[in-house]
Amino acid sequence: FGVSGGVYAPAGTDLDSDNAKTGFVGLVSGGYMFNPFFGLQTDLGYFETSGNDLKVSAIPLAFSLKLAVPIAFVEPYVLGGGGVYFSKLKRDEFSDASSTDFGAHAAGGVNFIFGKFQVGAEARYIWLQASDIDDLTIEGFQVMGSLGMRF
């Protein structure tokens, strides 16, 4: 079980024209390692960015396969998967749009394990096209720090 927080940096050219800035990302994660090297993870979270009269936000419910290489108390890992993203666009006070779409992600990170506790960092890239919001490309980088507990 863990919580992560950090920055979301949009990479889609659709958001460049609106001068979208680096925003916030937060995730709550749970997972199960079948052995020290392979596991599954699920994430529920929120991320957003804003720019010129624009605010884009999304709530992801994502699932991942995780491959880890534990070395003493250090655990580097990669993960990949996808999920459902509930996205919302607000252009001004009178214009709202929302979309529910599948998105994919890939990530790499490292956890430092201290007994049952872990501290880590992760860099993730998401590929997301909001089909009901003029095919708005919301893809980008997420860089997060994390705190967790192992059972």
N, C-alpha and C. Protein backbone atom coordinates (compact mmCIF):
# COMPACT_ATOMS: atom_id res chain seq x y z
N PHE A 1 0.85 -1.18 0.00
CA PHE A 1 0.00 0.00 0.00
C PHE A 1 0.89 1.24 0.00
N GLY A 2 0.51 2.27 -0.77
CA GLY A 2 1.34 3.47 -0.80
C GLY A 2 0.59 4.69 -1.31
N VAL A 3 1.18 5.84 -1.05
CA VAL A 3 0.68 7.11 -1.59
C VAL A 3 1.84 7.79 -2.31
N SER A 4 1.51 8.43 -3.43
CA SER A 4 2.51 9.11 -4.23
C SER A 4 2.01 10.50 -4.59
N GLY A 5 2.93 11.41 -4.71
CA GLY A 5 2.59 12.76 -5.14
C GLY A 5 3.73 13.39 -5.88
N GLY A 6 3.38 14.29 -6.81
CA GLY A 6 4.42 14.94 -7.58
C GLY A 6 3.86 15.85 -8.64
N VAL A 7 4.55 15.88 -9.78
CA VAL A 7 4.20 16.81 -10.85
C VAL A 7 3.76 16.05 -12.10
N TYR A 8 2.84 16.67 -12.83
CA TYR A 8 2.39 16.18 -14.13
C TYR A 8 2.80 17.22 -15.16
N ALA A 9 3.61 16.82 -16.13
CA ALA A 9 4.08 17.71 -17.19
C ALA A 9 3.46 17.27 -18.50
N PRO A 10 2.47 18.02 -19.01
CA PRO A 10 1.83 17.62 -20.26
C PRO A 10 2.81 17.63 -21.42
N ALA A 11 2.69 16.61 -22.29
CA ALA A 11 3.57 16.51 -23.45
C ALA A 11 2.80 16.57 -24.76
N GLY A 12 1.48 16.54 -24.69
CA GLY A 12 0.67 16.59 -25.90
C GLY A 12 0.68 17.98 -26.52
N THR A 13 0.79 18.04 -27.83
CA THR A 13 0.82 19.34 -28.53
C THR A 13 -0.50 20.08 -28.42
N ASP A 14 -1.61 19.36 -28.17
CA ASP A 14 -2.90 20.02 -28.01
C ASP A 14 -2.88 21.02 -26.85
N LEU A 15 -2.16 20.69 -25.79
CA LEU A 15 -2.12 21.56 -24.61
C LEU A 15 -1.07 22.66 -24.75
N ASP A 16 -0.12 22.50 -25.68
CA ASP A 16 0.89 23.54 -25.90
C ASP A 16 0.26 24.84 -26.37
N SER A 17 -0.75 24.74 -27.24
CA SER A 17 -1.38 25.95 -27.77
C SER A 17 -2.12 26.73 -26.70
N ASP A 18 -2.48 26.06 -25.60
CA ASP A 18 -3.14 26.74 -24.48
C ASP A 18 -2.15 27.09 -23.37
N ASN A 19 -0.85 26.92 -23.64
CA ASN A 19 0.19 27.25 -22.69
C ASN A 19 -0.01 26.52 -21.35
N ALA A 20 -0.34 25.23 -21.43
CA ALA A 20 -0.57 24.43 -20.22
C ALA A 20 0.73 24.30 -19.43
N LYS A 21 0.62 24.49 -18.14
CA LYS A 21 1.77 24.46 -17.23
C LYS A 21 1.89 23.10 -16.55
N THR A 22 3.01 22.89 -15.90
CA THR A 22 3.19 21.70 -15.09
C THR A 22 2.18 21.74 -13.95
N GLY A 23 1.52 20.60 -13.73
CA GLY A 23 0.48 20.51 -12.71
C GLY A 23 0.82 19.51 -11.63
N PHE A 24 -0.20 19.05 -10.97
CA PHE A 24 -0.09 18.16 -9.81
C PHE A 24 -0.57 16.77 -10.17
N VAL A 25 0.02 15.74 -9.55
CA VAL A 25 -0.47 14.37 -9.63
C VAL A 25 -0.39 13.73 -8.25
N GLY A 26 -1.40 12.96 -7.90
CA GLY A 26 -1.42 12.21 -6.65
C GLY A 26 -2.06 10.86 -6.89
N LEU A 27 -1.49 9.80 -6.32
CA LEU A 27 -2.00 8.44 -6.48
C LEU A 27 -2.04 7.71 -5.15
N VAL A 28 -3.01 6.85 -5.00
CA VAL A 28 -3.06 5.86 -3.93
C VAL A 28 -2.92 4.51 -4.62
N SER A 29 -1.97 3.70 -4.18
CA SER A 29 -1.65 2.44 -4.86
C SER A 29 -1.75 1.27 -3.91
N GLY A 30 -2.11 0.14 -4.46
CA GLY A 30 -2.10 -1.12 -3.73
C GLY A 30 -1.61 -2.19 -4.68
N GLY A 31 -0.95 -3.17 -4.14
CA GLY A 31 -0.43 -4.21 -5.03
C GLY A 31 -0.11 -5.48 -4.29
N TYR A 32 0.27 -6.46 -5.07
CA TYR A 32 0.65 -7.76 -4.52
C TYR A 32 1.83 -8.29 -5.32
N MET A 33 2.91 -8.62 -4.64
CA MET A 33 4.07 -9.23 -5.27
C MET A 33 3.95 -10.75 -5.11
N PHE A 34 3.86 -11.47 -6.24
CA PHE A 34 3.74 -12.92 -6.21
C PHE A 34 5.05 -13.57 -5.76
N ASN A 35 6.14 -12.92 -6.07
CA ASN A 35 7.46 -13.32 -5.61
C ASN A 35 8.29 -12.04 -5.57
N PRO A 36 9.55 -12.05 -5.20
CA PRO A 36 10.30 -10.79 -5.11
C PRO A 36 10.48 -10.05 -6.43
N PHE A 37 10.17 -10.70 -7.56
CA PHE A 37 10.45 -10.11 -8.86
C PHE A 37 9.23 -9.70 -9.68
N PHE A 38 8.05 -10.23 -9.38
CA PHE A 38 6.88 -10.02 -10.22
C PHE A 38 5.64 -9.75 -9.38
N GLY A 39 4.86 -8.74 -9.80
CA GLY A 39 3.64 -8.44 -9.07
C GLY A 39 2.64 -7.66 -9.90
N LEU A 40 1.53 -7.36 -9.27
CA LEU A 40 0.46 -6.55 -9.85
C LEU A 40 0.23 -5.32 -8.98
N GLN A 41 -0.21 -4.24 -9.60
CA GLN A 41 -0.45 -3.00 -8.87
C GLN A 41 -1.69 -2.32 -9.44
N THR A 42 -2.45 -1.67 -8.58
CA THR A 42 -3.58 -0.86 -9.02
C THR A 42 -3.43 0.54 -8.42
N ASP A 43 -3.84 1.54 -9.19
CA ASP A 43 -3.71 2.94 -8.77
C ASP A 43 -5.04 3.65 -8.94
N LEU A 44 -5.34 4.52 -8.00
CA LEU A 44 -6.46 5.44 -8.11
C LEU A 44 -5.90 6.81 -7.78
N GLY A 45 -6.19 7.81 -8.61
CA GLY A 45 -5.54 9.09 -8.36
C GLY A 45 -6.23 10.27 -9.01
N TYR A 46 -5.46 11.33 -9.15
CA TYR A 46 -5.94 12.58 -9.72
C TYR A 46 -4.74 13.33 -10.28
N PHE A 47 -4.89 13.94 -11.45
CA PHE A 47 -3.87 14.85 -11.94
C PHE A 47 -4.55 15.96 -12.72
N GLU A 48 -3.85 17.10 -12.80
CA GLU A 48 -4.41 18.26 -13.47
C GLU A 48 -3.32 19.16 -14.02
N THR A 49 -3.72 19.99 -14.97
CA THR A 49 -2.89 21.05 -15.51
C THR A 49 -3.81 22.20 -15.90
N SER A 50 -3.23 23.38 -16.02
CA SER A 50 -4.03 24.53 -16.44
C SER A 50 -3.17 25.45 -17.30
N GLY A 51 -3.87 26.28 -18.07
CA GLY A 51 -3.20 27.23 -18.95
C GLY A 51 -4.10 28.42 -19.21
N ASN A 52 -4.01 28.98 -20.41
CA ASN A 52 -4.83 30.13 -20.79
C ASN A 52 -6.31 29.74 -20.79
N ASP A 53 -7.07 30.19 -19.81
CA ASP A 53 -8.52 29.90 -19.73
C ASP A 53 -8.82 28.42 -19.90
N LEU A 54 -7.97 27.57 -19.35
CA LEU A 54 -8.11 26.13 -19.53
C LEU A 54 -7.73 25.41 -18.24
N LYS A 55 -8.50 24.39 -17.90
CA LYS A 55 -8.13 23.48 -16.81
C LYS A 55 -8.51 22.08 -17.26
N VAL A 56 -7.54 21.18 -17.25
CA VAL A 56 -7.75 19.79 -17.61
C VAL A 56 -7.42 18.95 -16.39
N SER A 57 -8.31 18.03 -16.04
CA SER A 57 -8.06 17.14 -14.92
C SER A 57 -8.50 15.73 -15.29
N ALA A 58 -7.96 14.75 -14.60
CA ALA A 58 -8.33 13.36 -14.87
C ALA A 58 -8.22 12.54 -13.59
N ILE A 59 -9.10 11.56 -13.49
CA ILE A 59 -9.06 10.59 -12.40
C ILE A 59 -8.76 9.24 -13.03
N PRO A 60 -7.56 8.70 -12.81
CA PRO A 60 -7.22 7.39 -13.38
C PRO A 60 -7.53 6.25 -12.42
N LEU A 61 -8.02 5.16 -12.98
CA LEU A 61 -8.12 3.88 -12.29
C LEU A 61 -7.32 2.92 -13.16
N ALA A 62 -6.08 2.65 -12.75
CA ALA A 62 -5.12 1.95 -13.61
C ALA A 62 -4.63 0.66 -12.97
N PHE A 63 -4.25 -0.28 -13.83
CA PHE A 63 -3.71 -1.57 -13.41
C PHE A 63 -2.38 -1.79 -14.11
N SER A 64 -1.41 -2.37 -13.38
CA SER A 64 -0.05 -2.53 -13.92
C SER A 64 0.53 -3.89 -13.58
N LEU A 65 1.42 -4.34 -14.46
CA LEU A 65 2.32 -5.45 -14.15
C LEU A 65 3.63 -4.83 -13.71
N LYS A 66 4.23 -5.40 -12.67
CA LYS A 66 5.45 -4.82 -12.09
C LYS A 66 6.56 -5.86 -12.09
N LEU A 67 7.73 -5.47 -12.58
CA LEU A 67 8.93 -6.30 -12.53
C LEU A 67 9.96 -5.58 -11.68
N ALA A 68 10.44 -6.25 -10.64
CA ALA A 68 11.38 -5.63 -9.69
C ALA A 68 12.63 -6.49 -9.57
N VAL A 69 13.71 -5.84 -9.17
CA VAL A 69 14.98 -6.53 -8.90
C VAL A 69 15.45 -6.10 -7.51
N PRO A 70 15.06 -6.84 -6.47
CA PRO A 70 15.48 -6.46 -5.12
C PRO A 70 16.97 -6.73 -4.89
N ILE A 71 17.66 -5.68 -4.43
CA ILE A 71 19.09 -5.78 -4.12
C ILE A 71 19.26 -5.21 -2.71
N ALA A 72 19.38 -6.11 -1.74
CA ALA A 72 19.43 -5.71 -0.33
C ALA A 72 18.18 -4.89 0.00
N PHE A 73 18.31 -3.62 0.38
CA PHE A 73 17.14 -2.80 0.73
C PHE A 73 16.72 -1.88 -0.42
N VAL A 74 17.32 -2.05 -1.61
CA VAL A 74 17.00 -1.23 -2.78
C VAL A 74 16.23 -2.10 -3.78
N GLU A 75 15.13 -1.54 -4.32
CA GLU A 75 14.31 -2.29 -5.26
C GLU A 75 14.01 -1.43 -6.50
N PRO A 76 14.87 -1.48 -7.54
CA PRO A 76 14.51 -0.82 -8.79
C PRO A 76 13.42 -1.64 -9.48
N TYR A 77 12.55 -0.95 -10.24
CA TYR A 77 11.46 -1.64 -10.90
C TYR A 77 11.02 -0.92 -12.17
N VAL A 78 10.32 -1.66 -13.01
CA VAL A 78 9.61 -1.11 -14.16
C VAL A 78 8.18 -1.63 -14.08
N LEU A 79 7.28 -0.85 -14.61
CA LEU A 79 5.90 -1.32 -14.67
C LEU A 79 5.22 -0.77 -15.90
N GLY A 80 4.18 -1.44 -16.30
CA GLY A 80 3.42 -1.01 -17.46
C GLY A 80 2.01 -1.53 -17.36
N GLY A 81 1.08 -0.79 -17.95
CA GLY A 81 -0.30 -1.22 -17.91
C GLY A 81 -1.21 -0.18 -18.50
N GLY A 82 -2.43 -0.18 -18.04
CA GLY A 82 -3.42 0.76 -18.55
C GLY A 82 -4.60 0.82 -17.63
N GLY A 83 -5.53 1.66 -18.01
CA GLY A 83 -6.71 1.79 -17.19
C GLY A 83 -7.71 2.75 -17.78
N VAL A 84 -8.69 3.07 -16.98
CA VAL A 84 -9.76 3.98 -17.37
C VAL A 84 -9.47 5.35 -16.78
N TYR A 85 -9.59 6.37 -17.62
CA TYR A 85 -9.34 7.74 -17.19
C TYR A 85 -10.64 8.54 -17.37
N PHE A 86 -11.07 9.17 -16.29
CA PHE A 86 -12.25 10.03 -16.31
C PHE A 86 -11.72 11.47 -16.39
N SER A 87 -11.79 12.06 -17.57
CA SER A 87 -11.17 13.36 -17.83
C SER A 87 -12.22 14.46 -17.89
N LYS A 88 -11.79 15.66 -17.52
CA LYS A 88 -12.67 16.82 -17.56
C LYS A 88 -11.90 18.02 -18.08
N LEU A 89 -12.54 18.79 -18.94
CA LEU A 89 -11.96 20.01 -19.50
C LEU A 89 -12.87 21.17 -19.17
N LYS A 90 -12.28 22.23 -18.65
CA LYS A 90 -13.02 23.46 -18.39
C LYS A 90 -12.30 24.59 -19.10
N ARG A 91 -12.93 25.17 -20.11
CA ARG A 91 -12.33 26.25 -20.91
C ARG A 91 -12.56 27.61 -20.26
N ASP A 92 -13.74 27.85 -19.79
CA ASP A 92 -14.08 29.08 -19.09
C ASP A 92 -15.22 28.74 -18.15
N GLU A 93 -15.81 29.72 -17.53
CA GLU A 93 -16.85 29.43 -16.54
C GLU A 93 -18.13 28.87 -17.15
N PHE A 94 -18.27 28.91 -18.48
CA PHE A 94 -19.49 28.43 -19.12
C PHE A 94 -19.27 27.18 -19.97
N SER A 95 -18.05 26.69 -20.08
CA SER A 95 -17.74 25.59 -21.00
C SER A 95 -17.08 24.43 -20.26
N ASP A 96 -17.80 23.32 -20.14
CA ASP A 96 -17.28 22.09 -19.54
C ASP A 96 -17.46 20.94 -20.51
N ALA A 97 -16.54 20.01 -20.51
CA ALA A 97 -16.66 18.77 -21.28
C ALA A 97 -16.01 17.66 -20.48
N SER A 98 -16.48 16.44 -20.66
CA SER A 98 -15.88 15.30 -19.97
C SER A 98 -15.79 14.11 -20.91
N SER A 99 -14.92 13.17 -20.56
CA SER A 99 -14.68 12.01 -21.40
C SER A 99 -14.21 10.85 -20.52
N THR A 100 -14.56 9.64 -20.90
CA THR A 100 -14.08 8.43 -20.24
C THR A 100 -13.38 7.60 -21.29
N ASP A 101 -12.08 7.34 -21.09
CA ASP A 101 -11.27 6.69 -22.11
C ASP A 101 -10.27 5.73 -21.49
N PHE A 102 -9.78 4.80 -22.32
CA PHE A 102 -8.69 3.91 -21.94
C PHE A 102 -7.37 4.63 -22.22
N GLY A 103 -6.42 4.51 -21.30
CA GLY A 103 -5.09 5.05 -21.48
C GLY A 103 -4.05 4.04 -21.04
N ALA A 104 -2.88 4.12 -21.60
CA ALA A 104 -1.78 3.22 -21.24
C ALA A 104 -0.68 4.01 -20.54
N HIS A 105 0.17 3.30 -19.80
CA HIS A 105 1.29 3.95 -19.12
C HIS A 105 2.47 2.99 -19.01
N ALA A 106 3.65 3.57 -18.84
CA ALA A 106 4.88 2.84 -18.58
C ALA A 106 5.67 3.66 -17.56
N ALA A 107 6.39 2.97 -16.68
CA ALA A 107 7.09 3.68 -15.61
C ALA A 107 8.35 2.93 -15.19
N GLY A 108 9.19 3.66 -14.52
CA GLY A 108 10.37 3.11 -13.88
C GLY A 108 10.57 3.82 -12.56
N GLY A 109 11.10 3.11 -11.60
CA GLY A 109 11.29 3.74 -10.30
C GLY A 109 12.19 2.92 -9.41
N VAL A 110 12.29 3.39 -8.18
CA VAL A 110 13.10 2.69 -7.18
C VAL A 110 12.44 2.88 -5.82
N ASN A 111 12.43 1.79 -5.05
CA ASN A 111 11.96 1.83 -3.66
C ASN A 111 13.14 1.50 -2.75
N PHE A 112 13.18 2.18 -1.62
CA PHE A 112 14.14 1.88 -0.57
C PHE A 112 13.33 1.30 0.59
N ILE A 113 13.66 0.06 0.98
CA ILE A 113 12.84 -0.69 1.92
C ILE A 113 13.51 -0.71 3.29
N PHE A 114 12.74 -0.27 4.29
CA PHE A 114 13.19 -0.23 5.68
C PHE A 114 12.20 -1.02 6.51
N GLY A 115 12.42 -2.35 6.63
CA GLY A 115 11.47 -3.21 7.33
C GLY A 115 10.16 -3.26 6.57
N LYS A 116 9.08 -2.81 7.20
CA LYS A 116 7.76 -2.79 6.55
C LYS A 116 7.50 -1.50 5.78
N PHE A 117 8.38 -0.51 5.93
CA PHE A 117 8.17 0.79 5.29
C PHE A 117 9.01 0.91 4.02
N GLN A 118 8.51 1.70 3.09
CA GLN A 118 9.29 1.98 1.88
C GLN A 118 9.14 3.44 1.48
N VAL A 119 10.22 3.97 0.92
CA VAL A 119 10.27 5.32 0.37
C VAL A 119 10.78 5.17 -1.05
N GLY A 120 10.17 5.91 -1.98
CA GLY A 120 10.59 5.71 -3.35
C GLY A 120 10.35 6.91 -4.25
N ALA A 121 10.72 6.72 -5.51
CA ALA A 121 10.51 7.72 -6.56
C ALA A 121 10.16 6.97 -7.83
N GLU A 122 9.31 7.62 -8.65
CA GLU A 122 8.87 7.00 -9.89
C GLU A 122 8.69 8.04 -10.98
N ALA A 123 9.05 7.68 -12.19
CA ALA A 123 8.77 8.50 -13.38
C ALA A 123 7.86 7.67 -14.27
N ARG A 124 6.74 8.27 -14.68
CA ARG A 124 5.71 7.56 -15.45
C ARG A 124 5.33 8.40 -16.67
N TYR A 125 5.05 7.72 -17.76
CA TYR A 125 4.51 8.39 -18.96
C TYR A 125 3.15 7.80 -19.25
N ILE A 126 2.16 8.66 -19.49
CA ILE A 126 0.83 8.18 -19.83
C ILE A 126 0.49 8.60 -21.26
N TRP A 127 -0.20 7.70 -21.95
CA TRP A 127 -0.72 7.98 -23.29
C TRP A 127 -2.24 8.03 -23.16
N LEU A 128 -2.82 9.20 -23.40
CA LEU A 128 -4.26 9.37 -23.20
C LEU A 128 -4.83 10.33 -24.22
N GLN A 129 -5.85 9.89 -24.92
CA GLN A 129 -6.57 10.69 -25.90
C GLN A 129 -8.02 10.78 -25.41
N ALA A 130 -8.48 12.00 -25.06
CA ALA A 130 -9.85 12.20 -24.57
C ALA A 130 -10.79 12.31 -25.77
N SER A 131 -11.42 11.20 -26.14
CA SER A 131 -12.21 11.13 -27.37
C SER A 131 -13.43 12.05 -27.37
N ASP A 132 -14.05 12.25 -26.23
CA ASP A 132 -15.25 13.09 -26.17
C ASP A 132 -14.94 14.57 -25.95
N ILE A 133 -13.65 14.92 -25.89
CA ILE A 133 -13.23 16.32 -25.74
C ILE A 133 -12.40 16.68 -26.97
N ASP A 134 -13.00 16.64 -28.14
CA ASP A 134 -12.32 16.99 -29.39
C ASP A 134 -11.02 16.22 -29.59
N ASP A 135 -10.97 14.96 -29.16
CA ASP A 135 -9.76 14.14 -29.24
C ASP A 135 -8.55 14.84 -28.64
N LEU A 136 -8.74 15.48 -27.51
CA LEU A 136 -7.68 16.20 -26.82
C LEU A 136 -6.62 15.22 -26.32
N THR A 137 -5.36 15.49 -26.64
CA THR A 137 -4.25 14.66 -26.18
C THR A 137 -3.80 15.14 -24.81
N ILE A 138 -3.97 14.27 -23.81
CA ILE A 138 -3.62 14.62 -22.42
C ILE A 138 -2.36 13.88 -21.98
N GLU A 139 -1.65 13.27 -22.89
CA GLU A 139 -0.48 12.48 -22.49
C GLU A 139 0.59 13.36 -21.86
N GLY A 140 1.45 12.72 -21.06
CA GLY A 140 2.52 13.47 -20.44
C GLY A 140 3.28 12.66 -19.41
N PHE A 141 4.23 13.34 -18.78
CA PHE A 141 5.09 12.74 -17.76
C PHE A 141 4.55 13.01 -16.37
N GLN A 142 4.70 12.02 -15.51
CA GLN A 142 4.39 12.18 -14.09
C GLN A 142 5.64 11.76 -13.32
N VAL A 143 6.12 12.64 -12.46
CA VAL A 143 7.29 12.35 -11.63
C VAL A 143 6.83 12.48 -10.19
N MET A 144 6.99 11.40 -9.43
CA MET A 144 6.40 11.33 -8.09
C MET A 144 7.38 10.77 -7.05
N GLY A 145 7.20 11.21 -5.83
CA GLY A 145 7.81 10.59 -4.68
C GLY A 145 6.74 9.75 -3.99
N SER A 146 7.14 8.70 -3.27
CA SER A 146 6.15 7.83 -2.65
C SER A 146 6.56 7.39 -1.26
N LEU A 147 5.54 7.11 -0.47
CA LEU A 147 5.70 6.50 0.86
C LEU A 147 4.77 5.30 0.90
N GLY A 148 5.23 4.21 1.49
CA GLY A 148 4.39 3.03 1.52
C GLY A 148 4.69 2.11 2.67
N MET A 149 3.86 1.09 2.76
CA MET A 149 3.99 0.08 3.79
C MET A 149 3.79 -1.30 3.15
N ARG A 150 4.57 -2.26 3.57
CA ARG A 150 4.47 -3.64 3.06
C ARG A 150 3.89 -4.54 4.14
N PHE A 151 3.08 -5.47 3.70
CA PHE A 151 2.47 -6.43 4.65
C PHE A 151 2.87 -7.84 4.31
